[in-house]
PDB file of N, CA and C in Angstrom:
ATOM      1  N   MET A   1       0.808  -1.178   0.000  1.00  0.00           N
ATOM      2  CA  MET A   1       0.000   0.000   0.000  1.00  0.00           C
ATOM      3  C   MET A   1       0.865   1.260   0.000  1.00  0.00           C
ATOM      4  N   PHE A   2       1.965   1.278   0.724  1.00  0.00           N
ATOM      5  CA  PHE A   2       2.831   2.450   0.754  1.00  0.00           C
ATOM      6  C   PHE A   2       3.535   2.677  -0.576  1.00  0.00           C
ATOM      7  N   ALA A   3       3.729   1.631  -1.331  1.00  0.00           N
ATOM      8  CA  ALA A   3       4.392   1.777  -2.622  1.00  0.00           C
ATOM      9  C   ALA A   3       3.597   2.691  -3.549  1.00  0.00           C
ATOM     10  N   LEU A   4       2.316   2.771  -3.363  1.00  0.00           N
ATOM     11  CA  LEU A   4       1.497   3.635  -4.200  1.00  0.00           C
ATOM     12  C   LEU A   4       1.770   5.106  -3.932  1.00  0.00           C
ATOM     13  N   LEU A   5       2.299   5.405  -2.773  1.00  0.00           N
ATOM     14  CA  LEU A   5       2.590   6.782  -2.412  1.00  0.00           C
ATOM     15  C   LEU A   5       3.984   7.230  -2.852  1.00  0.00           C
ATOM     16  N   ALA A   6       4.830   6.300  -3.185  1.00  0.00           N
ATOM     17  CA  ALA A   6       6.202   6.620  -3.576  1.00  0.00           C
ATOM     18  C   ALA A   6       6.221   7.212  -4.982  1.00  0.00           C
ATOM     19  N   PRO A   7       7.154   8.123  -5.253  1.00  0.00           N
ATOM     20  CA  PRO A   7       7.265   8.653  -6.607  1.00  0.00           C
ATOM     21  C   PRO A   7       7.674   7.550  -7.571  1.00  0.00           C
ATOM     22  N   PRO A   8       7.300   7.654  -8.827  1.00  0.00           N
ATOM     23  CA  PRO A   8       7.654   6.619  -9.784  1.00  0.00           C
ATOM     24  C   PRO A   8       9.164   6.535  -9.971  1.00  0.00           C
ATOM     25  N   ALA A   9       9.636   5.336 -10.216  1.00  0.00           N
ATOM     26  CA  ALA A   9      11.068   5.129 -10.454  1.00  0.00           C
ATOM     27  C   ALA A   9      11.461   5.793 -11.770  1.00  0.00           C
ATOM     28  N   ARG A  10      12.687   6.256 -11.830  1.00  0.00           N
ATOM     29  CA  ARG A  10      13.190   6.905 -13.039  1.00  0.00           C
ATOM     30  C   ARG A  10      13.850   5.853 -13.900  1.00  0.00           C
ATOM     31  N   ALA A  11      13.029   5.107 -14.612  1.00  0.00           N
ATOM     32  CA  ALA A  11      13.513   3.970 -15.391  1.00  0.00           C
ATOM     33  C   ALA A  11      14.444   4.389 -16.524  1.00  0.00           C
ATOM     34  N   ASN A  12      14.250   5.568 -17.058  1.00  0.00           N
ATOM     35  CA  ASN A  12      15.040   5.998 -18.204  1.00  0.00           C
ATOM     36  C   ASN A  12      16.229   6.866 -17.839  1.00  0.00           C
ATOM     37  N   GLY A  13      16.512   7.014 -16.567  1.00  0.00           N
ATOM     38  CA  GLY A  13      17.653   7.806 -16.144  1.00  0.00           C
ATOM     39  C   GLY A  13      17.362   9.295 -16.121  1.00  0.00           C
ATOM     40  N   PRO A  14      18.410  10.098 -16.063  1.00  0.00           N
ATOM     41  CA  PRO A  14      18.245  11.559 -15.963  1.00  0.00           C
ATOM     42  C   PRO A  14      17.506  12.132 -17.168  1.00  0.00           C
ATOM     43  N   ASP A  15      16.811  13.215 -16.929  1.00  0.00           N
ATOM     44  CA  ASP A  15      16.022  13.904 -17.955  1.00  0.00           C
ATOM     45  C   ASP A  15      16.734  15.209 -18.312  1.00  0.00           C
ATOM     46  N   VAL A  16      17.446  15.208 -19.418  1.00  0.00           N
ATOM     47  CA  VAL A  16      18.205  16.379 -19.858  1.00  0.00           C
ATOM     48  C   VAL A  16      17.278  17.582 -20.060  1.00  0.00           C
ATOM     49  N   ALA A  17      16.092  17.338 -20.607  1.00  0.00           N
ATOM     50  CA  ALA A  17      15.146  18.441 -20.842  1.00  0.00           C
ATOM     51  C   ALA A  17      14.722  19.084 -19.526  1.00  0.00           C
ATOM     52  N   ALA A  18      14.534  18.289 -18.491  1.00  0.00           N
ATOM     53  CA  ALA A  18      14.178  18.847 -17.185  1.00  0.00           C
ATOM     54  C   ALA A  18      15.340  19.657 -16.614  1.00  0.00           C
ATOM     55  N   GLY A  19      16.563  19.179 -16.791  1.00  0.00           N
ATOM     56  CA  GLY A  19      17.738  19.934 -16.354  1.00  0.00           C
ATOM     57  C   GLY A  19      17.872  21.239 -17.108  1.00  0.00           C
ATOM     58  N   ARG A  20      17.584  21.214 -18.408  1.00  0.00           N
ATOM     59  CA  ARG A  20      17.621  22.429 -19.233  1.00  0.00           C
ATOM     60  C   ARG A  20      16.558  23.418 -18.757  1.00  0.00           C
ATOM     61  N   ALA A  21      15.375  22.915 -18.433  1.00  0.00           N
ATOM     62  CA  ALA A  21      14.291  23.783 -17.957  1.00  0.00           C
ATOM     63  C   ALA A  21      14.667  24.448 -16.630  1.00  0.00           C
ATOM     64  N   PHE A  22      15.301  23.681 -15.728  1.00  0.00           N
ATOM     65  CA  PHE A  22      15.755  24.257 -14.462  1.00  0.00           C
ATOM     66  C   PHE A  22      16.760  25.371 -14.723  1.00  0.00           C
ATOM     67  N   ALA A  23      17.729  25.096 -15.593  1.00  0.00           N
ATOM     68  CA  ALA A  23      18.759  26.096 -15.904  1.00  0.00           C
ATOM     69  C   ALA A  23      18.134  27.347 -16.509  1.00  0.00           C
ATOM     70  N   ALA A  24      17.190  27.170 -17.408  1.00  0.00           N
ATOM     71  CA  ALA A  24      16.536  28.323 -18.040  1.00  0.00           C
ATOM     72  C   ALA A  24      15.770  29.150 -17.010  1.00  0.00           C
ATOM     73  N   ALA A  25      15.119  28.483 -16.072  1.00  0.00           N
ATOM     74  CA  ALA A  25      14.293  29.180 -15.081  1.00  0.00           C
ATOM     75  C   ALA A  25      15.113  29.803 -13.957  1.00  0.00           C
ATOM     76  N   LYS A  26      16.176  29.148 -13.527  1.00  0.00           N
ATOM     77  CA  LYS A  26      16.890  29.575 -12.324  1.00  0.00           C
ATOM     78  C   LYS A  26      18.272  30.160 -12.566  1.00  0.00           C
ATOM     79  N   CYS A  27      18.858  29.905 -13.739  1.00  0.00           N
ATOM     80  CA  CYS A  27      20.267  30.264 -13.930  1.00  0.00           C
ATOM     81  C   CYS A  27      20.532  31.226 -15.082  1.00  0.00           C
ATOM     82  N   ALA A  28      19.616  31.274 -16.055  1.00  0.00           N
ATOM     83  CA  ALA A  28      19.871  32.014 -17.290  1.00  0.00           C
ATOM     84  C   ALA A  28      19.929  33.524 -17.100  1.00  0.00           C
ATOM     85  N   GLU A  29      19.474  34.033 -15.977  1.00  0.00           N
ATOM     86  CA  GLU A  29      19.559  35.473 -15.731  1.00  0.00           C
ATOM     87  C   GLU A  29      21.025  35.920 -15.674  1.00  0.00           C
ATOM     88  N   CYS A  30      21.894  35.012 -15.264  1.00  0.00           N
ATOM     89  CA  CYS A  30      23.318  35.351 -15.125  1.00  0.00           C
ATOM     90  C   CYS A  30      24.211  34.540 -16.065  1.00  0.00           C
ATOM     91  N   HIS A  31      23.923  33.244 -16.219  1.00  0.00           N
ATOM     92  CA  HIS A  31      24.779  32.328 -16.983  1.00  0.00           C
ATOM     93  C   HIS A  31      24.239  32.079 -18.380  1.00  0.00           C
ATOM     94  N   ALA A  32      25.143  31.902 -19.349  1.00  0.00           N
ATOM     95  CA  ALA A  32      24.749  31.384 -20.651  1.00  0.00           C
ATOM     96  C   ALA A  32      24.451  29.905 -20.448  1.00  0.00           C
ATOM     97  N   VAL A  33      23.241  29.479 -20.778  1.00  0.00           N
ATOM     98  CA  VAL A  33      22.840  28.100 -20.541  1.00  0.00           C
ATOM     99  C   VAL A  33      22.674  27.330 -21.850  1.00  0.00           C
ATOM    100  N   ALA A  34      23.052  27.960 -22.957  1.00  0.00           N
ATOM    101  CA  ALA A  34      22.945  27.320 -24.268  1.00  0.00           C
ATOM    102  C   ALA A  34      24.332  26.944 -24.779  1.00  0.00           C
ATOM    103  N   ALA A  35      24.353  26.291 -25.910  1.00  0.00           N
ATOM    104  CA  ALA A  35      25.610  25.842 -26.506  1.00  0.00           C
ATOM    105  C   ALA A  35      26.426  26.987 -27.083  1.00  0.00           C
ATOM    106  N   THR A  36      25.804  28.160 -27.238  1.00  0.00           N
ATOM    107  CA  THR A  36      26.504  29.329 -27.766  1.00  0.00           C
ATOM    108  C   THR A  36      26.067  30.555 -26.971  1.00  0.00           C
ATOM    109  N   GLY A  37      26.768  31.643 -27.185  1.00  0.00           N
ATOM    110  CA  GLY A  37      26.385  32.906 -26.576  1.00  0.00           C
ATOM    111  C   GLY A  37      27.143  33.222 -25.304  1.00  0.00           C
ATOM    112  N   ASP A  38      27.109  34.504 -24.964  1.00  0.00           N
ATOM    113  CA  ASP A  38      27.772  34.994 -23.761  1.00  0.00           C
ATOM    114  C   ASP A  38      26.811  34.984 -22.587  1.00  0.00           C
ATOM    115  N   SER A  39      27.359  34.899 -21.398  1.00  0.00           N
ATOM    116  CA  SER A  39      26.551  35.008 -20.185  1.00  0.00           C
ATOM    117  C   SER A  39      26.053  36.438 -20.050  1.00  0.00           C
ATOM    118  N   PRO A  40      24.805  36.639 -19.602  1.00  0.00           N
ATOM    119  CA  PRO A  40      24.307  37.994 -19.371  1.00  0.00           C
ATOM    120  C   PRO A  40      25.171  38.780 -18.388  1.00  0.00           C
ATOM    121  N   LYS A  41      25.754  38.093 -17.424  1.00  0.00           N
ATOM    122  CA  LYS A  41      26.682  38.730 -16.484  1.00  0.00           C
ATOM    123  C   LYS A  41      28.072  38.200 -16.792  1.00  0.00           C
ATOM    124  N   ALA A  42      28.974  39.085 -17.119  1.00  0.00           N
ATOM    125  CA  ALA A  42      30.316  38.690 -17.570  1.00  0.00           C
ATOM    126  C   ALA A  42      31.044  37.809 -16.569  1.00  0.00           C
ATOM    127  N   GLU A  43      30.804  38.023 -15.285  1.00  0.00           N
ATOM    128  CA  GLU A  43      31.513  37.234 -14.264  1.00  0.00           C
ATOM    129  C   GLU A  43      30.941  35.834 -14.081  1.00  0.00           C
ATOM    130  N   ALA A  44      29.787  35.557 -14.665  1.00  0.00           N
ATOM    131  CA  ALA A  44      29.149  34.241 -14.545  1.00  0.00           C
ATOM    132  C   ALA A  44      29.594  33.367 -15.715  1.00  0.00           C
ATOM    133  N   PRO A  45      30.271  32.274 -15.448  1.00  0.00           N
ATOM    134  CA  PRO A  45      30.780  31.455 -16.551  1.00  0.00           C
ATOM    135  C   PRO A  45      29.645  30.800 -17.341  1.00  0.00           C
ATOM    136  N   PRO A  46      29.811  30.715 -18.660  1.00  0.00           N
ATOM    137  CA  PRO A  46      28.837  29.962 -19.454  1.00  0.00           C
ATOM    138  C   PRO A  46      28.846  28.497 -19.009  1.00  0.00           C
ATOM    139  N   PHE A  47      27.683  27.900 -18.916  1.00  0.00           N
ATOM    140  CA  PHE A  47      27.606  26.515 -18.446  1.00  0.00           C
ATOM    141  C   PHE A  47      28.370  25.564 -19.357  1.00  0.00           C
ATOM    142  N   ARG A  48      28.440  25.849 -20.650  1.00  0.00           N
ATOM    143  CA  ARG A  48      29.126  24.940 -21.573  1.00  0.00           C
ATOM    144  C   ARG A  48      30.633  24.896 -21.320  1.00  0.00           C
ATOM    145  N   ARG A  49      31.145  25.828 -20.506  1.00  0.00           N
ATOM    146  CA  ARG A  49      32.579  25.870 -20.233  1.00  0.00           C
ATOM    147  C   ARG A  49      32.931  25.455 -18.807  1.00  0.00           C
ATOM    148  N   LEU A  50      31.940  25.037 -18.031  1.00  0.00           N
ATOM    149  CA  LEU A  50      32.221  24.649 -16.643  1.00  0.00           C
ATOM    150  C   LEU A  50      33.214  23.499 -16.555  1.00  0.00           C
ATOM    151  N   ASP A  51      33.171  22.586 -17.538  1.00  0.00           N
ATOM    152  CA  ASP A  51      34.074  21.436 -17.491  1.00  0.00           C
ATOM    153  C   ASP A  51      35.537  21.832 -17.648  1.00  0.00           C
ATOM    154  N   GLU A  52      35.807  23.066 -18.052  1.00  0.00           N
ATOM    155  CA  GLU A  52      37.183  23.555 -18.127  1.00  0.00           C
ATOM    156  C   GLU A  52      37.725  23.877 -16.740  1.00  0.00           C
ATOM    157  N   ARG A  53      36.823  24.069 -15.785  1.00  0.00           N
ATOM    158  CA  ARG A  53      37.215  24.404 -14.411  1.00  0.00           C
ATOM    159  C   ARG A  53      37.259  23.179 -13.507  1.00  0.00           C
ATOM    160  N   PHE A  54      36.331  22.250 -13.716  1.00  0.00           N
ATOM    161  CA  PHE A  54      36.208  21.051 -12.880  1.00  0.00           C
ATOM    162  C   PHE A  54      35.220  20.098 -13.533  1.00  0.00           C
ATOM    163  N   PRO A  55      35.241  18.825 -13.148  1.00  0.00           N
ATOM    164  CA  PRO A  55      34.239  17.897 -13.690  1.00  0.00           C
ATOM    165  C   PRO A  55      32.841  18.318 -13.210  1.00  0.00           C
ATOM    166  N   VAL A  56      31.898  18.493 -14.136  1.00  0.00           N
ATOM    167  CA  VAL A  56      30.576  18.968 -13.736  1.00  0.00           C
ATOM    168  C   VAL A  56      29.878  17.993 -12.789  1.00  0.00           C
ATOM    169  N   ALA A  57      30.203  16.713 -12.866  1.00  0.00           N
ATOM    170  CA  ALA A  57      29.612  15.743 -11.938  1.00  0.00           C
ATOM    171  C   ALA A  57      29.988  16.067 -10.497  1.00  0.00           C
ATOM    172  N   ALA A  58      31.091  16.789 -10.306  1.00  0.00           N
ATOM    173  CA  ALA A  58      31.523  17.170  -8.958  1.00  0.00           C
ATOM    174  C   ALA A  58      30.562  18.159  -8.310  1.00  0.00           C
ATOM    175  N   LEU A  59      29.683  18.770  -9.087  1.00  0.00           N
ATOM    176  CA  LEU A  59      28.694  19.692  -8.537  1.00  0.00           C
ATOM    177  C   LEU A  59      27.576  18.979  -7.784  1.00  0.00           C
ATOM    178  N   ALA A  60      27.417  17.681  -7.986  1.00  0.00           N
ATOM    179  CA  ALA A  60      26.295  16.949  -7.395  1.00  0.00           C
ATOM    180  C   ALA A  60      26.231  17.129  -5.882  1.00  0.00           C
ATOM    181  N   GLU A  61      27.336  16.967  -5.204  1.00  0.00           N
ATOM    182  CA  GLU A  61      27.330  17.091  -3.738  1.00  0.00           C
ATOM    183  C   GLU A  61      26.975  18.507  -3.304  1.00  0.00           C
ATOM    184  N   ALA A  62      27.557  19.489  -3.976  1.00  0.00           N
ATOM    185  CA  ALA A  62      27.263  20.883  -3.632  1.00  0.00           C
ATOM    186  C   ALA A  62      25.788  21.202  -3.863  1.00  0.00           C
ATOM    187  N   LEU A  63      25.211  20.687  -4.942  1.00  0.00           N
ATOM    188  CA  LEU A  63      23.797  20.920  -5.218  1.00  0.00           C
ATOM    189  C   LEU A  63      22.912  20.263  -4.164  1.00  0.00           C
ATOM    190  N   ALA A  64      23.310  19.104  -3.703  1.00  0.00           N
ATOM    191  CA  ALA A  64      22.525  18.392  -2.694  1.00  0.00           C
ATOM    192  C   ALA A  64      22.561  19.112  -1.350  1.00  0.00           C
ATOM    193  N   GLU A  65      23.679  19.753  -1.059  1.00  0.00           N
ATOM    194  CA  GLU A  65      23.841  20.416   0.232  1.00  0.00           C
ATOM    195  C   GLU A  65      23.388  21.875   0.205  1.00  0.00           C
ATOM    196  N   GLY A  66      23.080  22.377  -0.966  1.00  0.00           N
ATOM    197  CA  GLY A  66      22.693  23.782  -1.098  1.00  0.00           C
ATOM    198  C   GLY A  66      23.864  24.577  -1.611  1.00  0.00           C
ATOM    199  N   ILE A  67      24.028  24.597  -2.915  1.00  0.00           N
ATOM    200  CA  ILE A  67      25.186  25.259  -3.509  1.00  0.00           C
ATOM    201  C   ILE A  67      25.194  26.736  -3.134  1.00  0.00           C
ATOM    202  N   ALA A  68      26.344  27.187  -2.753  1.00  0.00           N
ATOM    203  CA  ALA A  68      26.542  28.597  -2.415  1.00  0.00           C
ATOM    204  C   ALA A  68      27.919  28.993  -2.919  1.00  0.00           C
ATOM    205  N   THR A  69      28.067  30.246  -3.265  1.00  0.00           N
ATOM    206  CA  THR A  69      29.360  30.717  -3.751  1.00  0.00           C
ATOM    207  C   THR A  69      29.839  31.860  -2.881  1.00  0.00           C
ATOM    208  N   GLY A  70      31.008  32.331  -3.183  1.00  0.00           N
ATOM    209  CA  GLY A  70      31.588  33.414  -2.402  1.00  0.00           C
ATOM    210  C   GLY A  70      31.035  34.783  -2.734  1.00  0.00           C
ATOM    211  N   HIS A  71      30.109  34.861  -3.683  1.00  0.00           N
ATOM    212  CA  HIS A  71      29.540  36.174  -3.985  1.00  0.00           C
ATOM    213  C   HIS A  71      28.047  36.172  -3.669  1.00  0.00           C
ATOM    214  N   PRO A  72      27.547  37.284  -3.144  1.00  0.00           N
ATOM    215  CA  PRO A  72      26.169  37.328  -2.664  1.00  0.00           C
ATOM    216  C   PRO A  72      25.113  37.344  -3.760  1.00  0.00           C
ATOM    217  N   ALA A  73      25.480  37.616  -4.994  1.00  0.00           N
ATOM    218  CA  ALA A  73      24.479  37.719  -6.055  1.00  0.00           C
ATOM    219  C   ALA A  73      23.896  36.366  -6.450  1.00  0.00           C
ATOM    220  N   MET A  74      24.631  35.283  -6.217  1.00  0.00           N
ATOM    221  CA  MET A  74      24.125  33.968  -6.607  1.00  0.00           C
ATOM    222  C   MET A  74      23.231  33.415  -5.510  1.00  0.00           C
ATOM    223  N   PRO A  75      21.998  33.066  -5.873  1.00  0.00           N
ATOM    224  CA  PRO A  75      21.105  32.487  -4.867  1.00  0.00           C
ATOM    225  C   PRO A  75      21.545  31.083  -4.490  1.00  0.00           C
ATOM    226  N   GLU A  76      21.131  30.639  -3.334  1.00  0.00           N
ATOM    227  CA  GLU A  76      21.425  29.275  -2.888  1.00  0.00           C
ATOM    228  C   GLU A  76      20.307  28.362  -3.365  1.00  0.00           C
ATOM    229  N   PHE A  77      20.690  27.212  -3.900  1.00  0.00           N
ATOM    230  CA  PHE A  77      19.729  26.220  -4.369  1.00  0.00           C
ATOM    231  C   PHE A  77      19.960  24.908  -3.660  1.00  0.00           C
ATOM    232  N   THR A  78      18.897  24.214  -3.325  1.00  0.00           N
ATOM    233  CA  THR A  78      18.963  22.840  -2.857  1.00  0.00           C
ATOM    234  C   THR A  78      18.050  22.035  -3.760  1.00  0.00           C
ATOM    235  N   LEU A  79      18.592  21.027  -4.399  1.00  0.00           N
ATOM    236  CA  LEU A  79      17.839  20.228  -5.347  1.00  0.00           C
ATOM    237  C   LEU A  79      17.640  18.813  -4.817  1.00  0.00           C
ATOM    238  N   THR A  80      16.613  18.146  -5.292  1.00  0.00           N
ATOM    239  CA  THR A  80      16.396  16.737  -4.957  1.00  0.00           C
ATOM    240  C   THR A  80      17.406  15.893  -5.732  1.00  0.00           C
ATOM    241  N   PRO A  81      17.615  14.646  -5.335  1.00  0.00           N
ATOM    242  CA  PRO A  81      18.538  13.790  -6.095  1.00  0.00           C
ATOM    243  C   PRO A  81      18.172  13.677  -7.579  1.00  0.00           C
ATOM    244  N   GLY A  82      16.895  13.564  -7.889  1.00  0.00           N
ATOM    245  CA  GLY A  82      16.482  13.479  -9.291  1.00  0.00           C
ATOM    246  C   GLY A  82      16.754  14.766 -10.046  1.00  0.00           C
ATOM    247  N   GLU A  83      16.512  15.905  -9.418  1.00  0.00           N
ATOM    248  CA  GLU A  83      16.788  17.196 -10.048  1.00  0.00           C
ATOM    249  C   GLU A  83      18.279  17.376 -10.285  1.00  0.00           C
ATOM    250  N   ILE A  84      19.073  16.912  -9.345  1.00  0.00           N
ATOM    251  CA  ILE A  84      20.535  16.983  -9.506  1.00  0.00           C
ATOM    252  C   ILE A  84      20.967  16.151 -10.699  1.00  0.00           C
ATOM    253  N   ASP A  85      20.463  14.932 -10.786  1.00  0.00           N
ATOM    254  CA  ASP A  85      20.809  14.067 -11.923  1.00  0.00           C
ATOM    255  C   ASP A  85      20.428  14.726 -13.241  1.00  0.00           C
ATOM    256  N   ASP A  86      19.235  15.326 -13.282  1.00  0.00           N
ATOM    257  CA  ASP A  86      18.778  16.000 -14.499  1.00  0.00           C
ATOM    258  C   ASP A  86      19.689  17.172 -14.851  1.00  0.00           C
ATOM    259  N   PHE A  87      20.027  17.982 -13.863  1.00  0.00           N
ATOM    260  CA  PHE A  87      20.846  19.166 -14.091  1.00  0.00           C
ATOM    261  C   PHE A  87      22.260  18.777 -14.534  1.00  0.00           C
ATOM    262  N   ILE A  88      22.842  17.801 -13.872  1.00  0.00           N
ATOM    263  CA  ILE A  88      24.188  17.344 -14.253  1.00  0.00           C
ATOM    264  C   ILE A  88      24.159  16.768 -15.669  1.00  0.00           C
ATOM    265  N   ALA A  89      23.126  15.991 -15.997  1.00  0.00           N
ATOM    266  CA  ALA A  89      23.005  15.443 -17.350  1.00  0.00           C
ATOM    267  C   ALA A  89      22.902  16.564 -18.380  1.00  0.00           C
ATOM    268  N   PHE A  90      22.160  17.617 -18.047  1.00  0.00           N
ATOM    269  CA  PHE A  90      22.065  18.771 -18.939  1.00  0.00           C
ATOM    270  C   PHE A  90      23.441  19.419 -19.120  1.00  0.00           C
ATOM    271  N   LEU A  91      24.153  19.673 -18.027  1.00  0.00           N
ATOM    272  CA  LEU A  91      25.484  20.292 -18.121  1.00  0.00           C
ATOM    273  C   LEU A  91      26.420  19.429 -18.958  1.00  0.00           C
ATOM    274  N   GLU A  92      26.377  18.127 -18.739  1.00  0.00           N
ATOM    275  CA  GLU A  92      27.232  17.220 -19.516  1.00  0.00           C
ATOM    276  C   GLU A  92      26.849  17.220 -20.989  1.00  0.00           C
ATOM    277  N   SER A  93      25.560  17.406 -21.275  1.00  0.00           N
ATOM    278  CA  SER A  93      25.137  17.453 -22.683  1.00  0.00           C
ATOM    279  C   SER A  93      25.699  18.694 -23.375  1.00  0.00           C
ATOM    280  N   LEU A  94      25.841  19.787 -22.651  1.00  0.00           N
ATOM    281  CA  LEU A  94      26.418  21.004 -23.221  1.00  0.00           C
ATOM    282  C   LEU A  94      27.893  20.826 -23.557  1.00  0.00           C
ATOM    283  N   THR A  95      28.607  20.177 -22.667  1.00  0.00           N
ATOM    284  CA  THR A  95      30.050  20.031 -22.873  1.00  0.00           C
ATOM    285  C   THR A  95      30.353  18.947 -23.896  1.00  0.00           C
ATOM    286  N   ALA A  96      29.365  18.114 -24.211  1.00  0.00           N
ATOM    287  CA  ALA A  96      29.565  17.061 -25.205  1.00  0.00           C
ATOM    288  C   ALA A  96      29.371  17.583 -26.626  1.00  0.00           C
ATOM    289  N   GLU A  97      28.791  18.772 -26.766  1.00  0.00           N
ATOM    290  CA  GLU A  97      28.492  19.322 -28.100  1.00  0.00           C
ATOM    291  C   GLU A  97      29.729  19.872 -28.763  1.00  0.00           C
TER     292      GLU A  97
END
Protein backbone atom coordinates (compact mmCIF):
# COMPACT_ATOMS: atom_id res chain seq x y z
CA MET A 1 0.00 0.00 0.00
CA PHE A 2 2.83 2.45 0.75
CA ALA A 3 4.39 1.78 -2.62
CA LEU A 4 1.50 3.63 -4.20
CA LEU A 5 2.59 6.78 -2.41
CA ALA A 6 6.20 6.62 -3.58
CA PRO A 7 7.27 8.65 -6.61
CA PRO A 8 7.65 6.62 -9.78
CA ALA A 9 11.07 5.13 -10.45
CA ARG A 10 13.19 6.90 -13.04
CA ALA A 11 13.51 3.97 -15.39
CA ASN A 12 15.04 6.00 -18.20
CA GLY A 13 17.65 7.81 -16.14
CA PRO A 14 18.24 11.56 -15.96
CA ASP A 15 16.02 13.90 -17.96
CA VAL A 16 18.20 16.38 -19.86
CA ALA A 17 15.15 18.44 -20.84
CA ALA A 18 14.18 18.85 -17.19
CA GLY A 19 17.74 19.93 -16.35
CA ARG A 20 17.62 22.43 -19.23
CA ALA A 21 14.29 23.78 -17.96
CA PHE A 22 15.75 24.26 -14.46
CA ALA A 23 18.76 26.10 -15.90
CA ALA A 24 16.54 28.32 -18.04
CA ALA A 25 14.29 29.18 -15.08
CA LYS A 26 16.89 29.57 -12.32
CA CYS A 27 20.27 30.26 -13.93
CA ALA A 28 19.87 32.01 -17.29
CA GLU A 29 19.56 35.47 -15.73
CA CYS A 30 23.32 35.35 -15.12
CA HIS A 31 24.78 32.33 -16.98
CA ALA A 32 24.75 31.38 -20.65
CA VAL A 33 22.84 28.10 -20.54
CA ALA A 34 22.95 27.32 -24.27
CA ALA A 35 25.61 25.84 -26.51
CA THR A 36 26.50 29.33 -27.77
CA GLY A 37 26.39 32.91 -26.58
CA ASP A 38 27.77 34.99 -23.76
CA SER A 39 26.55 35.01 -20.18
CA PRO A 40 24.31 37.99 -19.37
CA LYS A 41 26.68 38.73 -16.48
CA ALA A 42 30.32 38.69 -17.57
CA GLU A 43 31.51 37.23 -14.26
CA ALA A 44 29.15 34.24 -14.55
CA PRO A 45 30.78 31.46 -16.55
CA PRO A 46 28.84 29.96 -19.45
CA PHE A 47 27.61 26.51 -18.45
CA ARG A 48 29.13 24.94 -21.57
CA ARG A 49 32.58 25.87 -20.23
CA LEU A 50 32.22 24.65 -16.64
CA ASP A 51 34.07 21.44 -17.49
CA GLU A 52 37.18 23.55 -18.13
CA ARG A 53 37.22 24.40 -14.41
CA PHE A 54 36.21 21.05 -12.88
CA PRO A 55 34.24 17.90 -13.69
CA VAL A 56 30.58 18.97 -13.74
CA ALA A 57 29.61 15.74 -11.94
CA ALA A 58 31.52 17.17 -8.96
CA LEU A 59 28.69 19.69 -8.54
CA ALA A 60 26.30 16.95 -7.39
CA GLU A 61 27.33 17.09 -3.74
CA ALA A 62 27.26 20.88 -3.63
CA LEU A 63 23.80 20.92 -5.22
CA ALA A 64 22.53 18.39 -2.69
CA GLU A 65 23.84 20.42 0.23
CA GLY A 66 22.69 23.78 -1.10
CA ILE A 67 25.19 25.26 -3.51
CA ALA A 68 26.54 28.60 -2.42
CA THR A 69 29.36 30.72 -3.75
CA GLY A 70 31.59 33.41 -2.40
CA HIS A 71 29.54 36.17 -3.98
CA PRO A 72 26.17 37.33 -2.66
CA ALA A 73 24.48 37.72 -6.06
CA MET A 74 24.13 33.97 -6.61
CA PRO A 75 21.10 32.49 -4.87
CA GLU A 76 21.43 29.27 -2.89
CA PHE A 77 19.73 26.22 -4.37
CA THR A 78 18.96 22.84 -2.86
CA LEU A 79 17.84 20.23 -5.35
CA THR A 80 16.40 16.74 -4.96
CA PRO A 81 18.54 13.79 -6.09
CA GLY A 82 16.48 13.48 -9.29
CA GLU A 83 16.79 17.20 -10.05
CA ILE A 84 20.54 16.98 -9.51
CA ASP A 85 20.81 14.07 -11.92
CA ASP A 86 18.78 16.00 -14.50
CA PHE A 87 20.85 19.17 -14.09
CA ILE A 88 24.19 17.34 -14.25
CA ALA A 89 23.00 15.44 -17.35
CA PHE A 90 22.06 18.77 -18.94
CA LEU A 91 25.48 20.29 -18.12
CA GLU A 92 27.23 17.22 -19.52
CA SER A 93 25.14 17.45 -22.68
CA LEU A 94 26.42 21.00 -23.22
CA THR A 95 30.05 20.03 -22.87
CA ALA A 96 29.56 17.06 -25.21
CA GLU A 97 28.49 19.32 -28.10
